[in-house]
Amino acid sequence: TTTVGTTMSDFLDRTLKFGYVLSS
C-alpha cells in the first residue's frame, strides 16, 4: 500500500505536473 501510494503520488505530481496540493 505504501509503495502504490508513493508511486501514484509521484506520477500525479511529477509526470502529470499536478503539484502537491492537487495530487493530495
PDBML (XML) file of the C-alpha atoms, coordinates in Angstrom:
<?xml version="1.0" encoding="UTF-8" ?>
<PDBx:datablock datablockName="MODEL"
   xmlns:PDBx="http://pdbml.pdb.org/schema/pdbx-v50.xsd"
   xmlns:xsi="http://www.w3.org/2001/XMLSchema-instance"
   xsi:schemaLocation="http://pdbml.pdb.org/schema/pdbx-v50.xsd pdbx-v50.xsd">
   <PDBx:atom_siteCategory>
      <PDBx:atom_site id="1">
         <PDBx:B_iso_or_equiv>0.00</PDBx:B_iso_or_equiv>
         <PDBx:Cartn_x>0.000</PDBx:Cartn_x>
         <PDBx:Cartn_y>0.000</PDBx:Cartn_y>
         <PDBx:Cartn_z>0.000</PDBx:Cartn_z>
         <PDBx:auth_asym_id>A</PDBx:auth_asym_id>
         <PDBx:auth_atom_id>CA</PDBx:auth_atom_id>
         <PDBx:auth_comp_id>THR</PDBx:auth_comp_id>
         <PDBx:auth_seq_id>1</PDBx:auth_seq_id>
         <PDBx:group_PDB>ATOM</PDBx:group_PDB>
         <PDBx:label_alt_id xsi:nil="true" />
         <PDBx:label_asym_id>A</PDBx:label_asym_id>
         <PDBx:label_atom_id>CA</PDBx:label_atom_id>
         <PDBx:label_comp_id>THR</PDBx:label_comp_id>
         <PDBx:label_entity_id>1</PDBx:label_entity_id>
         <PDBx:label_seq_id>1</PDBx:label_seq_id>
         <PDBx:occupancy>1.00</PDBx:occupancy>
         <PDBx:pdbx_PDB_model_num>1</PDBx:pdbx_PDB_model_num>
         <PDBx:type_symbol>C</PDBx:type_symbol>
      </PDBx:atom_site>
      <PDBx:atom_site id="2">
         <PDBx:B_iso_or_equiv>0.00</PDBx:B_iso_or_equiv>
         <PDBx:Cartn_x>2.850</PDBx:Cartn_x>
         <PDBx:Cartn_y>2.372</PDBx:Cartn_y>
         <PDBx:Cartn_z>0.833</PDBx:Cartn_z>
         <PDBx:auth_asym_id>A</PDBx:auth_asym_id>
         <PDBx:auth_atom_id>CA</PDBx:auth_atom_id>
         <PDBx:auth_comp_id>THR</PDBx:auth_comp_id>
         <PDBx:auth_seq_id>2</PDBx:auth_seq_id>
         <PDBx:group_PDB>ATOM</PDBx:group_PDB>
         <PDBx:label_alt_id xsi:nil="true" />
         <PDBx:label_asym_id>A</PDBx:label_asym_id>
         <PDBx:label_atom_id>CA</PDBx:label_atom_id>
         <PDBx:label_comp_id>THR</PDBx:label_comp_id>
         <PDBx:label_entity_id>1</PDBx:label_entity_id>
         <PDBx:label_seq_id>2</PDBx:label_seq_id>
         <PDBx:occupancy>1.00</PDBx:occupancy>
         <PDBx:pdbx_PDB_model_num>1</PDBx:pdbx_PDB_model_num>
         <PDBx:type_symbol>C</PDBx:type_symbol>
      </PDBx:atom_site>
      <PDBx:atom_site id="3">
         <PDBx:B_iso_or_equiv>0.00</PDBx:B_iso_or_equiv>
         <PDBx:Cartn_x>4.613</PDBx:Cartn_x>
         <PDBx:Cartn_y>1.637</PDBx:Cartn_y>
         <PDBx:Cartn_z>-2.443</PDBx:Cartn_z>
         <PDBx:auth_asym_id>A</PDBx:auth_asym_id>
         <PDBx:auth_atom_id>CA</PDBx:auth_atom_id>
         <PDBx:auth_comp_id>THR</PDBx:auth_comp_id>
         <PDBx:auth_seq_id>3</PDBx:auth_seq_id>
         <PDBx:group_PDB>ATOM</PDBx:group_PDB>
         <PDBx:label_alt_id xsi:nil="true" />
         <PDBx:label_asym_id>A</PDBx:label_asym_id>
         <PDBx:label_atom_id>CA</PDBx:label_atom_id>
         <PDBx:label_comp_id>THR</PDBx:label_comp_id>
         <PDBx:label_entity_id>1</PDBx:label_entity_id>
         <PDBx:label_seq_id>3</PDBx:label_seq_id>
         <PDBx:occupancy>1.00</PDBx:occupancy>
         <PDBx:pdbx_PDB_model_num>1</PDBx:pdbx_PDB_model_num>
         <PDBx:type_symbol>C</PDBx:type_symbol>
      </PDBx:atom_site>
      <PDBx:atom_site id="4">
         <PDBx:B_iso_or_equiv>0.00</PDBx:B_iso_or_equiv>
         <PDBx:Cartn_x>1.465</PDBx:Cartn_x>
         <PDBx:Cartn_y>2.088</PDBx:Cartn_y>
         <PDBx:Cartn_z>-4.519</PDBx:Cartn_z>
         <PDBx:auth_asym_id>A</PDBx:auth_asym_id>
         <PDBx:auth_atom_id>CA</PDBx:auth_atom_id>
         <PDBx:auth_comp_id>VAL</PDBx:auth_comp_id>
         <PDBx:auth_seq_id>4</PDBx:auth_seq_id>
         <PDBx:group_PDB>ATOM</PDBx:group_PDB>
         <PDBx:label_alt_id xsi:nil="true" />
         <PDBx:label_asym_id>A</PDBx:label_asym_id>
         <PDBx:label_atom_id>CA</PDBx:label_atom_id>
         <PDBx:label_comp_id>VAL</PDBx:label_comp_id>
         <PDBx:label_entity_id>1</PDBx:label_entity_id>
         <PDBx:label_seq_id>4</PDBx:label_seq_id>
         <PDBx:occupancy>1.00</PDBx:occupancy>
         <PDBx:pdbx_PDB_model_num>1</PDBx:pdbx_PDB_model_num>
         <PDBx:type_symbol>C</PDBx:type_symbol>
      </PDBx:atom_site>
      <PDBx:atom_site id="5">
         <PDBx:B_iso_or_equiv>0.00</PDBx:B_iso_or_equiv>
         <PDBx:Cartn_x>0.594</PDBx:Cartn_x>
         <PDBx:Cartn_y>5.330</PDBx:Cartn_y>
         <PDBx:Cartn_z>-2.728</PDBx:Cartn_z>
         <PDBx:auth_asym_id>A</PDBx:auth_asym_id>
         <PDBx:auth_atom_id>CA</PDBx:auth_atom_id>
         <PDBx:auth_comp_id>GLY</PDBx:auth_comp_id>
         <PDBx:auth_seq_id>5</PDBx:auth_seq_id>
         <PDBx:group_PDB>ATOM</PDBx:group_PDB>
         <PDBx:label_alt_id xsi:nil="true" />
         <PDBx:label_asym_id>A</PDBx:label_asym_id>
         <PDBx:label_atom_id>CA</PDBx:label_atom_id>
         <PDBx:label_comp_id>GLY</PDBx:label_comp_id>
         <PDBx:label_entity_id>1</PDBx:label_entity_id>
         <PDBx:label_seq_id>5</PDBx:label_seq_id>
         <PDBx:occupancy>1.00</PDBx:occupancy>
         <PDBx:pdbx_PDB_model_num>1</PDBx:pdbx_PDB_model_num>
         <PDBx:type_symbol>C</PDBx:type_symbol>
      </PDBx:atom_site>
      <PDBx:atom_site id="6">
         <PDBx:B_iso_or_equiv>0.00</PDBx:B_iso_or_equiv>
         <PDBx:Cartn_x>4.066</PDBx:Cartn_x>
         <PDBx:Cartn_y>6.762</PDBx:Cartn_y>
         <PDBx:Cartn_z>-3.266</PDBx:Cartn_z>
         <PDBx:auth_asym_id>A</PDBx:auth_asym_id>
         <PDBx:auth_atom_id>CA</PDBx:auth_atom_id>
         <PDBx:auth_comp_id>THR</PDBx:auth_comp_id>
         <PDBx:auth_seq_id>6</PDBx:auth_seq_id>
         <PDBx:group_PDB>ATOM</PDBx:group_PDB>
         <PDBx:label_alt_id xsi:nil="true" />
         <PDBx:label_asym_id>A</PDBx:label_asym_id>
         <PDBx:label_atom_id>CA</PDBx:label_atom_id>
         <PDBx:label_comp_id>THR</PDBx:label_comp_id>
         <PDBx:label_entity_id>1</PDBx:label_entity_id>
         <PDBx:label_seq_id>6</PDBx:label_seq_id>
         <PDBx:occupancy>1.00</PDBx:occupancy>
         <PDBx:pdbx_PDB_model_num>1</PDBx:pdbx_PDB_model_num>
         <PDBx:type_symbol>C</PDBx:type_symbol>
      </PDBx:atom_site>
      <PDBx:atom_site id="7">
         <PDBx:B_iso_or_equiv>0.00</PDBx:B_iso_or_equiv>
         <PDBx:Cartn_x>4.077</PDBx:Cartn_x>
         <PDBx:Cartn_y>5.717</PDBx:Cartn_y>
         <PDBx:Cartn_z>-6.923</PDBx:Cartn_z>
         <PDBx:auth_asym_id>A</PDBx:auth_asym_id>
         <PDBx:auth_atom_id>CA</PDBx:auth_atom_id>
         <PDBx:auth_comp_id>THR</PDBx:auth_comp_id>
         <PDBx:auth_seq_id>7</PDBx:auth_seq_id>
         <PDBx:group_PDB>ATOM</PDBx:group_PDB>
         <PDBx:label_alt_id xsi:nil="true" />
         <PDBx:label_asym_id>A</PDBx:label_asym_id>
         <PDBx:label_atom_id>CA</PDBx:label_atom_id>
         <PDBx:label_comp_id>THR</PDBx:label_comp_id>
         <PDBx:label_entity_id>1</PDBx:label_entity_id>
         <PDBx:label_seq_id>7</PDBx:label_seq_id>
         <PDBx:occupancy>1.00</PDBx:occupancy>
         <PDBx:pdbx_PDB_model_num>1</PDBx:pdbx_PDB_model_num>
         <PDBx:type_symbol>C</PDBx:type_symbol>
      </PDBx:atom_site>
      <PDBx:atom_site id="8">
         <PDBx:B_iso_or_equiv>0.00</PDBx:B_iso_or_equiv>
         <PDBx:Cartn_x>0.664</PDBx:Cartn_x>
         <PDBx:Cartn_y>7.278</PDBx:Cartn_y>
         <PDBx:Cartn_z>-7.530</PDBx:Cartn_z>
         <PDBx:auth_asym_id>A</PDBx:auth_asym_id>
         <PDBx:auth_atom_id>CA</PDBx:auth_atom_id>
         <PDBx:auth_comp_id>MET</PDBx:auth_comp_id>
         <PDBx:auth_seq_id>8</PDBx:auth_seq_id>
         <PDBx:group_PDB>ATOM</PDBx:group_PDB>
         <PDBx:label_alt_id xsi:nil="true" />
         <PDBx:label_asym_id>A</PDBx:label_asym_id>
         <PDBx:label_atom_id>CA</PDBx:label_atom_id>
         <PDBx:label_comp_id>MET</PDBx:label_comp_id>
         <PDBx:label_entity_id>1</PDBx:label_entity_id>
         <PDBx:label_seq_id>8</PDBx:label_seq_id>
         <PDBx:occupancy>1.00</PDBx:occupancy>
         <PDBx:pdbx_PDB_model_num>1</PDBx:pdbx_PDB_model_num>
         <PDBx:type_symbol>C</PDBx:type_symbol>
      </PDBx:atom_site>
      <PDBx:atom_site id="9">
         <PDBx:B_iso_or_equiv>0.00</PDBx:B_iso_or_equiv>
         <PDBx:Cartn_x>1.672</PDBx:Cartn_x>
         <PDBx:Cartn_y>10.464</PDBx:Cartn_y>
         <PDBx:Cartn_z>-5.742</PDBx:Cartn_z>
         <PDBx:auth_asym_id>A</PDBx:auth_asym_id>
         <PDBx:auth_atom_id>CA</PDBx:auth_atom_id>
         <PDBx:auth_comp_id>SER</PDBx:auth_comp_id>
         <PDBx:auth_seq_id>9</PDBx:auth_seq_id>
         <PDBx:group_PDB>ATOM</PDBx:group_PDB>
         <PDBx:label_alt_id xsi:nil="true" />
         <PDBx:label_asym_id>A</PDBx:label_asym_id>
         <PDBx:label_atom_id>CA</PDBx:label_atom_id>
         <PDBx:label_comp_id>SER</PDBx:label_comp_id>
         <PDBx:label_entity_id>1</PDBx:label_entity_id>
         <PDBx:label_seq_id>9</PDBx:label_seq_id>
         <PDBx:occupancy>1.00</PDBx:occupancy>
         <PDBx:pdbx_PDB_model_num>1</PDBx:pdbx_PDB_model_num>
         <PDBx:type_symbol>C</PDBx:type_symbol>
      </PDBx:atom_site>
      <PDBx:atom_site id="10">
         <PDBx:B_iso_or_equiv>0.00</PDBx:B_iso_or_equiv>
         <PDBx:Cartn_x>4.897</PDBx:Cartn_x>
         <PDBx:Cartn_y>10.759</PDBx:Cartn_y>
         <PDBx:Cartn_z>-7.750</PDBx:Cartn_z>
         <PDBx:auth_asym_id>A</PDBx:auth_asym_id>
         <PDBx:auth_atom_id>CA</PDBx:auth_atom_id>
         <PDBx:auth_comp_id>ASP</PDBx:auth_comp_id>
         <PDBx:auth_seq_id>10</PDBx:auth_seq_id>
         <PDBx:group_PDB>ATOM</PDBx:group_PDB>
         <PDBx:label_alt_id xsi:nil="true" />
         <PDBx:label_asym_id>A</PDBx:label_asym_id>
         <PDBx:label_atom_id>CA</PDBx:label_atom_id>
         <PDBx:label_comp_id>ASP</PDBx:label_comp_id>
         <PDBx:label_entity_id>1</PDBx:label_entity_id>
         <PDBx:label_seq_id>10</PDBx:label_seq_id>
         <PDBx:occupancy>1.00</PDBx:occupancy>
         <PDBx:pdbx_PDB_model_num>1</PDBx:pdbx_PDB_model_num>
         <PDBx:type_symbol>C</PDBx:type_symbol>
      </PDBx:atom_site>
      <PDBx:atom_site id="11">
         <PDBx:B_iso_or_equiv>0.00</PDBx:B_iso_or_equiv>
         <PDBx:Cartn_x>3.046</PDBx:Cartn_x>
         <PDBx:Cartn_y>10.084</PDBx:Cartn_y>
         <PDBx:Cartn_z>-11.004</PDBx:Cartn_z>
         <PDBx:auth_asym_id>A</PDBx:auth_asym_id>
         <PDBx:auth_atom_id>CA</PDBx:auth_atom_id>
         <PDBx:auth_comp_id>PHE</PDBx:auth_comp_id>
         <PDBx:auth_seq_id>11</PDBx:auth_seq_id>
         <PDBx:group_PDB>ATOM</PDBx:group_PDB>
         <PDBx:label_alt_id xsi:nil="true" />
         <PDBx:label_asym_id>A</PDBx:label_asym_id>
         <PDBx:label_atom_id>CA</PDBx:label_atom_id>
         <PDBx:label_comp_id>PHE</PDBx:label_comp_id>
         <PDBx:label_entity_id>1</PDBx:label_entity_id>
         <PDBx:label_seq_id>11</PDBx:label_seq_id>
         <PDBx:occupancy>1.00</PDBx:occupancy>
         <PDBx:pdbx_PDB_model_num>1</PDBx:pdbx_PDB_model_num>
         <PDBx:type_symbol>C</PDBx:type_symbol>
      </PDBx:atom_site>
      <PDBx:atom_site id="12">
         <PDBx:B_iso_or_equiv>0.00</PDBx:B_iso_or_equiv>
         <PDBx:Cartn_x>0.435</PDBx:Cartn_x>
         <PDBx:Cartn_y>12.764</PDBx:Cartn_y>
         <PDBx:Cartn_z>-10.310</PDBx:Cartn_z>
         <PDBx:auth_asym_id>A</PDBx:auth_asym_id>
         <PDBx:auth_atom_id>CA</PDBx:auth_atom_id>
         <PDBx:auth_comp_id>LEU</PDBx:auth_comp_id>
         <PDBx:auth_seq_id>12</PDBx:auth_seq_id>
         <PDBx:group_PDB>ATOM</PDBx:group_PDB>
         <PDBx:label_alt_id xsi:nil="true" />
         <PDBx:label_asym_id>A</PDBx:label_asym_id>
         <PDBx:label_atom_id>CA</PDBx:label_atom_id>
         <PDBx:label_comp_id>LEU</PDBx:label_comp_id>
         <PDBx:label_entity_id>1</PDBx:label_entity_id>
         <PDBx:label_seq_id>12</PDBx:label_seq_id>
         <PDBx:occupancy>1.00</PDBx:occupancy>
         <PDBx:pdbx_PDB_model_num>1</PDBx:pdbx_PDB_model_num>
         <PDBx:type_symbol>C</PDBx:type_symbol>
      </PDBx:atom_site>
      <PDBx:atom_site id="13">
         <PDBx:B_iso_or_equiv>0.00</PDBx:B_iso_or_equiv>
         <PDBx:Cartn_x>2.982</PDBx:Cartn_x>
         <PDBx:Cartn_y>15.291</PDBx:Cartn_y>
         <PDBx:Cartn_z>-9.090</PDBx:Cartn_z>
         <PDBx:auth_asym_id>A</PDBx:auth_asym_id>
         <PDBx:auth_atom_id>CA</PDBx:auth_atom_id>
         <PDBx:auth_comp_id>ASP</PDBx:auth_comp_id>
         <PDBx:auth_seq_id>13</PDBx:auth_seq_id>
         <PDBx:group_PDB>ATOM</PDBx:group_PDB>
         <PDBx:label_alt_id xsi:nil="true" />
         <PDBx:label_asym_id>A</PDBx:label_asym_id>
         <PDBx:label_atom_id>CA</PDBx:label_atom_id>
         <PDBx:label_comp_id>ASP</PDBx:label_comp_id>
         <PDBx:label_entity_id>1</PDBx:label_entity_id>
         <PDBx:label_seq_id>13</PDBx:label_seq_id>
         <PDBx:occupancy>1.00</PDBx:occupancy>
         <PDBx:pdbx_PDB_model_num>1</PDBx:pdbx_PDB_model_num>
         <PDBx:type_symbol>C</PDBx:type_symbol>
      </PDBx:atom_site>
      <PDBx:atom_site id="14">
         <PDBx:B_iso_or_equiv>0.00</PDBx:B_iso_or_equiv>
         <PDBx:Cartn_x>5.940</PDBx:Cartn_x>
         <PDBx:Cartn_y>14.768</PDBx:Cartn_y>
         <PDBx:Cartn_z>-11.393</PDBx:Cartn_z>
         <PDBx:auth_asym_id>A</PDBx:auth_asym_id>
         <PDBx:auth_atom_id>CA</PDBx:auth_atom_id>
         <PDBx:auth_comp_id>ARG</PDBx:auth_comp_id>
         <PDBx:auth_seq_id>14</PDBx:auth_seq_id>
         <PDBx:group_PDB>ATOM</PDBx:group_PDB>
         <PDBx:label_alt_id xsi:nil="true" />
         <PDBx:label_asym_id>A</PDBx:label_asym_id>
         <PDBx:label_atom_id>CA</PDBx:label_atom_id>
         <PDBx:label_comp_id>ARG</PDBx:label_comp_id>
         <PDBx:label_entity_id>1</PDBx:label_entity_id>
         <PDBx:label_seq_id>14</PDBx:label_seq_id>
         <PDBx:occupancy>1.00</PDBx:occupancy>
         <PDBx:pdbx_PDB_model_num>1</PDBx:pdbx_PDB_model_num>
         <PDBx:type_symbol>C</PDBx:type_symbol>
      </PDBx:atom_site>
      <PDBx:atom_site id="15">
         <PDBx:B_iso_or_equiv>0.00</PDBx:B_iso_or_equiv>
         <PDBx:Cartn_x>4.542</PDBx:Cartn_x>
         <PDBx:Cartn_y>13.214</PDBx:Cartn_y>
         <PDBx:Cartn_z>-14.570</PDBx:Cartn_z>
         <PDBx:auth_asym_id>A</PDBx:auth_asym_id>
         <PDBx:auth_atom_id>CA</PDBx:auth_atom_id>
         <PDBx:auth_comp_id>THR</PDBx:auth_comp_id>
         <PDBx:auth_seq_id>15</PDBx:auth_seq_id>
         <PDBx:group_PDB>ATOM</PDBx:group_PDB>
         <PDBx:label_alt_id xsi:nil="true" />
         <PDBx:label_asym_id>A</PDBx:label_asym_id>
         <PDBx:label_atom_id>CA</PDBx:label_atom_id>
         <PDBx:label_comp_id>THR</PDBx:label_comp_id>
         <PDBx:label_entity_id>1</PDBx:label_entity_id>
         <PDBx:label_seq_id>15</PDBx:label_seq_id>
         <PDBx:occupancy>1.00</PDBx:occupancy>
         <PDBx:pdbx_PDB_model_num>1</PDBx:pdbx_PDB_model_num>
         <PDBx:type_symbol>C</PDBx:type_symbol>
      </PDBx:atom_site>
      <PDBx:atom_site id="16">
         <PDBx:B_iso_or_equiv>0.00</PDBx:B_iso_or_equiv>
         <PDBx:Cartn_x>1.172</PDBx:Cartn_x>
         <PDBx:Cartn_y>14.952</PDBx:Cartn_y>
         <PDBx:Cartn_z>-14.798</PDBx:Cartn_z>
         <PDBx:auth_asym_id>A</PDBx:auth_asym_id>
         <PDBx:auth_atom_id>CA</PDBx:auth_atom_id>
         <PDBx:auth_comp_id>LEU</PDBx:auth_comp_id>
         <PDBx:auth_seq_id>16</PDBx:auth_seq_id>
         <PDBx:group_PDB>ATOM</PDBx:group_PDB>
         <PDBx:label_alt_id xsi:nil="true" />
         <PDBx:label_asym_id>A</PDBx:label_asym_id>
         <PDBx:label_atom_id>CA</PDBx:label_atom_id>
         <PDBx:label_comp_id>LEU</PDBx:label_comp_id>
         <PDBx:label_entity_id>1</PDBx:label_entity_id>
         <PDBx:label_seq_id>16</PDBx:label_seq_id>
         <PDBx:occupancy>1.00</PDBx:occupancy>
         <PDBx:pdbx_PDB_model_num>1</PDBx:pdbx_PDB_model_num>
         <PDBx:type_symbol>C</PDBx:type_symbol>
      </PDBx:atom_site>
      <PDBx:atom_site id="17">
         <PDBx:B_iso_or_equiv>0.00</PDBx:B_iso_or_equiv>
         <PDBx:Cartn_x>2.519</PDBx:Cartn_x>
         <PDBx:Cartn_y>18.123</PDBx:Cartn_y>
         <PDBx:Cartn_z>-13.108</PDBx:Cartn_z>
         <PDBx:auth_asym_id>A</PDBx:auth_asym_id>
         <PDBx:auth_atom_id>CA</PDBx:auth_atom_id>
         <PDBx:auth_comp_id>LYS</PDBx:auth_comp_id>
         <PDBx:auth_seq_id>17</PDBx:auth_seq_id>
         <PDBx:group_PDB>ATOM</PDBx:group_PDB>
         <PDBx:label_alt_id xsi:nil="true" />
         <PDBx:label_asym_id>A</PDBx:label_asym_id>
         <PDBx:label_atom_id>CA</PDBx:label_atom_id>
         <PDBx:label_comp_id>LYS</PDBx:label_comp_id>
         <PDBx:label_entity_id>1</PDBx:label_entity_id>
         <PDBx:label_seq_id>17</PDBx:label_seq_id>
         <PDBx:occupancy>1.00</PDBx:occupancy>
         <PDBx:pdbx_PDB_model_num>1</PDBx:pdbx_PDB_model_num>
         <PDBx:type_symbol>C</PDBx:type_symbol>
      </PDBx:atom_site>
      <PDBx:atom_site id="18">
         <PDBx:B_iso_or_equiv>0.00</PDBx:B_iso_or_equiv>
         <PDBx:Cartn_x>-0.435</PDBx:Cartn_x>
         <PDBx:Cartn_y>18.354</PDBx:Cartn_y>
         <PDBx:Cartn_z>-10.710</PDBx:Cartn_z>
         <PDBx:auth_asym_id>A</PDBx:auth_asym_id>
         <PDBx:auth_atom_id>CA</PDBx:auth_atom_id>
         <PDBx:auth_comp_id>PHE</PDBx:auth_comp_id>
         <PDBx:auth_seq_id>18</PDBx:auth_seq_id>
         <PDBx:group_PDB>ATOM</PDBx:group_PDB>
         <PDBx:label_alt_id xsi:nil="true" />
         <PDBx:label_asym_id>A</PDBx:label_asym_id>
         <PDBx:label_atom_id>CA</PDBx:label_atom_id>
         <PDBx:label_comp_id>PHE</PDBx:label_comp_id>
         <PDBx:label_entity_id>1</PDBx:label_entity_id>
         <PDBx:label_seq_id>18</PDBx:label_seq_id>
         <PDBx:occupancy>1.00</PDBx:occupancy>
         <PDBx:pdbx_PDB_model_num>1</PDBx:pdbx_PDB_model_num>
         <PDBx:type_symbol>C</PDBx:type_symbol>
      </PDBx:atom_site>
      <PDBx:atom_site id="19">
         <PDBx:B_iso_or_equiv>0.00</PDBx:B_iso_or_equiv>
         <PDBx:Cartn_x>1.691</PDBx:Cartn_x>
         <PDBx:Cartn_y>19.650</PDBx:Cartn_y>
         <PDBx:Cartn_z>-7.838</PDBx:Cartn_z>
         <PDBx:auth_asym_id>A</PDBx:auth_asym_id>
         <PDBx:auth_atom_id>CA</PDBx:auth_atom_id>
         <PDBx:auth_comp_id>GLY</PDBx:auth_comp_id>
         <PDBx:auth_seq_id>19</PDBx:auth_seq_id>
         <PDBx:group_PDB>ATOM</PDBx:group_PDB>
         <PDBx:label_alt_id xsi:nil="true" />
         <PDBx:label_asym_id>A</PDBx:label_asym_id>
         <PDBx:label_atom_id>CA</PDBx:label_atom_id>
         <PDBx:label_comp_id>GLY</PDBx:label_comp_id>
         <PDBx:label_entity_id>1</PDBx:label_entity_id>
         <PDBx:label_seq_id>19</PDBx:label_seq_id>
         <PDBx:occupancy>1.00</PDBx:occupancy>
         <PDBx:pdbx_PDB_model_num>1</PDBx:pdbx_PDB_model_num>
         <PDBx:type_symbol>C</PDBx:type_symbol>
      </PDBx:atom_site>
      <PDBx:atom_site id="20">
         <PDBx:B_iso_or_equiv>0.00</PDBx:B_iso_or_equiv>
         <PDBx:Cartn_x>1.427</PDBx:Cartn_x>
         <PDBx:Cartn_y>18.534</PDBx:Cartn_y>
         <PDBx:Cartn_z>-4.230</PDBx:Cartn_z>
         <PDBx:auth_asym_id>A</PDBx:auth_asym_id>
         <PDBx:auth_atom_id>CA</PDBx:auth_atom_id>
         <PDBx:auth_comp_id>TYR</PDBx:auth_comp_id>
         <PDBx:auth_seq_id>20</PDBx:auth_seq_id>
         <PDBx:group_PDB>ATOM</PDBx:group_PDB>
         <PDBx:label_alt_id xsi:nil="true" />
         <PDBx:label_asym_id>A</PDBx:label_asym_id>
         <PDBx:label_atom_id>CA</PDBx:label_atom_id>
         <PDBx:label_comp_id>TYR</PDBx:label_comp_id>
         <PDBx:label_entity_id>1</PDBx:label_entity_id>
         <PDBx:label_seq_id>20</PDBx:label_seq_id>
         <PDBx:occupancy>1.00</PDBx:occupancy>
         <PDBx:pdbx_PDB_model_num>1</PDBx:pdbx_PDB_model_num>
         <PDBx:type_symbol>C</PDBx:type_symbol>
      </PDBx:atom_site>
      <PDBx:atom_site id="21">
         <PDBx:B_iso_or_equiv>0.00</PDBx:B_iso_or_equiv>
         <PDBx:Cartn_x>-1.891</PDBx:Cartn_x>
         <PDBx:Cartn_y>20.188</PDBx:Cartn_y>
         <PDBx:Cartn_z>-3.404</PDBx:Cartn_z>
         <PDBx:auth_asym_id>A</PDBx:auth_asym_id>
         <PDBx:auth_atom_id>CA</PDBx:auth_atom_id>
         <PDBx:auth_comp_id>VAL</PDBx:auth_comp_id>
         <PDBx:auth_seq_id>21</PDBx:auth_seq_id>
         <PDBx:group_PDB>ATOM</PDBx:group_PDB>
         <PDBx:label_alt_id xsi:nil="true" />
         <PDBx:label_asym_id>A</PDBx:label_asym_id>
         <PDBx:label_atom_id>CA</PDBx:label_atom_id>
         <PDBx:label_comp_id>VAL</PDBx:label_comp_id>
         <PDBx:label_entity_id>1</PDBx:label_entity_id>
         <PDBx:label_seq_id>21</PDBx:label_seq_id>
         <PDBx:occupancy>1.00</PDBx:occupancy>
         <PDBx:pdbx_PDB_model_num>1</PDBx:pdbx_PDB_model_num>
         <PDBx:type_symbol>C</PDBx:type_symbol>
      </PDBx:atom_site>
      <PDBx:atom_site id="22">
         <PDBx:B_iso_or_equiv>0.00</PDBx:B_iso_or_equiv>
         <PDBx:Cartn_x>-3.857</PDBx:Cartn_x>
         <PDBx:Cartn_y>18.907</PDBx:Cartn_y>
         <PDBx:Cartn_z>-6.394</PDBx:Cartn_z>
         <PDBx:auth_asym_id>A</PDBx:auth_asym_id>
         <PDBx:auth_atom_id>CA</PDBx:auth_atom_id>
         <PDBx:auth_comp_id>LEU</PDBx:auth_comp_id>
         <PDBx:auth_seq_id>22</PDBx:auth_seq_id>
         <PDBx:group_PDB>ATOM</PDBx:group_PDB>
         <PDBx:label_alt_id xsi:nil="true" />
         <PDBx:label_asym_id>A</PDBx:label_asym_id>
         <PDBx:label_atom_id>CA</PDBx:label_atom_id>
         <PDBx:label_comp_id>LEU</PDBx:label_comp_id>
         <PDBx:label_entity_id>1</PDBx:label_entity_id>
         <PDBx:label_seq_id>22</PDBx:label_seq_id>
         <PDBx:occupancy>1.00</PDBx:occupancy>
         <PDBx:pdbx_PDB_model_num>1</PDBx:pdbx_PDB_model_num>
         <PDBx:type_symbol>C</PDBx:type_symbol>
      </PDBx:atom_site>
      <PDBx:atom_site id="23">
         <PDBx:B_iso_or_equiv>0.00</PDBx:B_iso_or_equiv>
         <PDBx:Cartn_x>-2.219</PDBx:Cartn_x>
         <PDBx:Cartn_y>15.467</PDBx:Cartn_y>
         <PDBx:Cartn_z>-6.117</PDBx:Cartn_z>
         <PDBx:auth_asym_id>A</PDBx:auth_asym_id>
         <PDBx:auth_atom_id>CA</PDBx:auth_atom_id>
         <PDBx:auth_comp_id>SER</PDBx:auth_comp_id>
         <PDBx:auth_seq_id>23</PDBx:auth_seq_id>
         <PDBx:group_PDB>ATOM</PDBx:group_PDB>
         <PDBx:label_alt_id xsi:nil="true" />
         <PDBx:label_asym_id>A</PDBx:label_asym_id>
         <PDBx:label_atom_id>CA</PDBx:label_atom_id>
         <PDBx:label_comp_id>SER</PDBx:label_comp_id>
         <PDBx:label_entity_id>1</PDBx:label_entity_id>
         <PDBx:label_seq_id>23</PDBx:label_seq_id>
         <PDBx:occupancy>1.00</PDBx:occupancy>
         <PDBx:pdbx_PDB_model_num>1</PDBx:pdbx_PDB_model_num>
         <PDBx:type_symbol>C</PDBx:type_symbol>
      </PDBx:atom_site>
      <PDBx:atom_site id="24">
         <PDBx:B_iso_or_equiv>0.00</PDBx:B_iso_or_equiv>
         <PDBx:Cartn_x>-3.278</PDBx:Cartn_x>
         <PDBx:Cartn_y>15.292</PDBx:Cartn_y>
         <PDBx:Cartn_z>-2.465</PDBx:Cartn_z>
         <PDBx:auth_asym_id>A</PDBx:auth_asym_id>
         <PDBx:auth_atom_id>CA</PDBx:auth_atom_id>
         <PDBx:auth_comp_id>SER</PDBx:auth_comp_id>
         <PDBx:auth_seq_id>24</PDBx:auth_seq_id>
         <PDBx:group_PDB>ATOM</PDBx:group_PDB>
         <PDBx:label_alt_id xsi:nil="true" />
         <PDBx:label_asym_id>A</PDBx:label_asym_id>
         <PDBx:label_atom_id>CA</PDBx:label_atom_id>
         <PDBx:label_comp_id>SER</PDBx:label_comp_id>
         <PDBx:label_entity_id>1</PDBx:label_entity_id>
         <PDBx:label_seq_id>24</PDBx:label_seq_id>
         <PDBx:occupancy>1.00</PDBx:occupancy>
         <PDBx:pdbx_PDB_model_num>1</PDBx:pdbx_PDB_model_num>
         <PDBx:type_symbol>C</PDBx:type_symbol>
      </PDBx:atom_site>
   </PDBx:atom_siteCategory>
</PDBx:datablock>
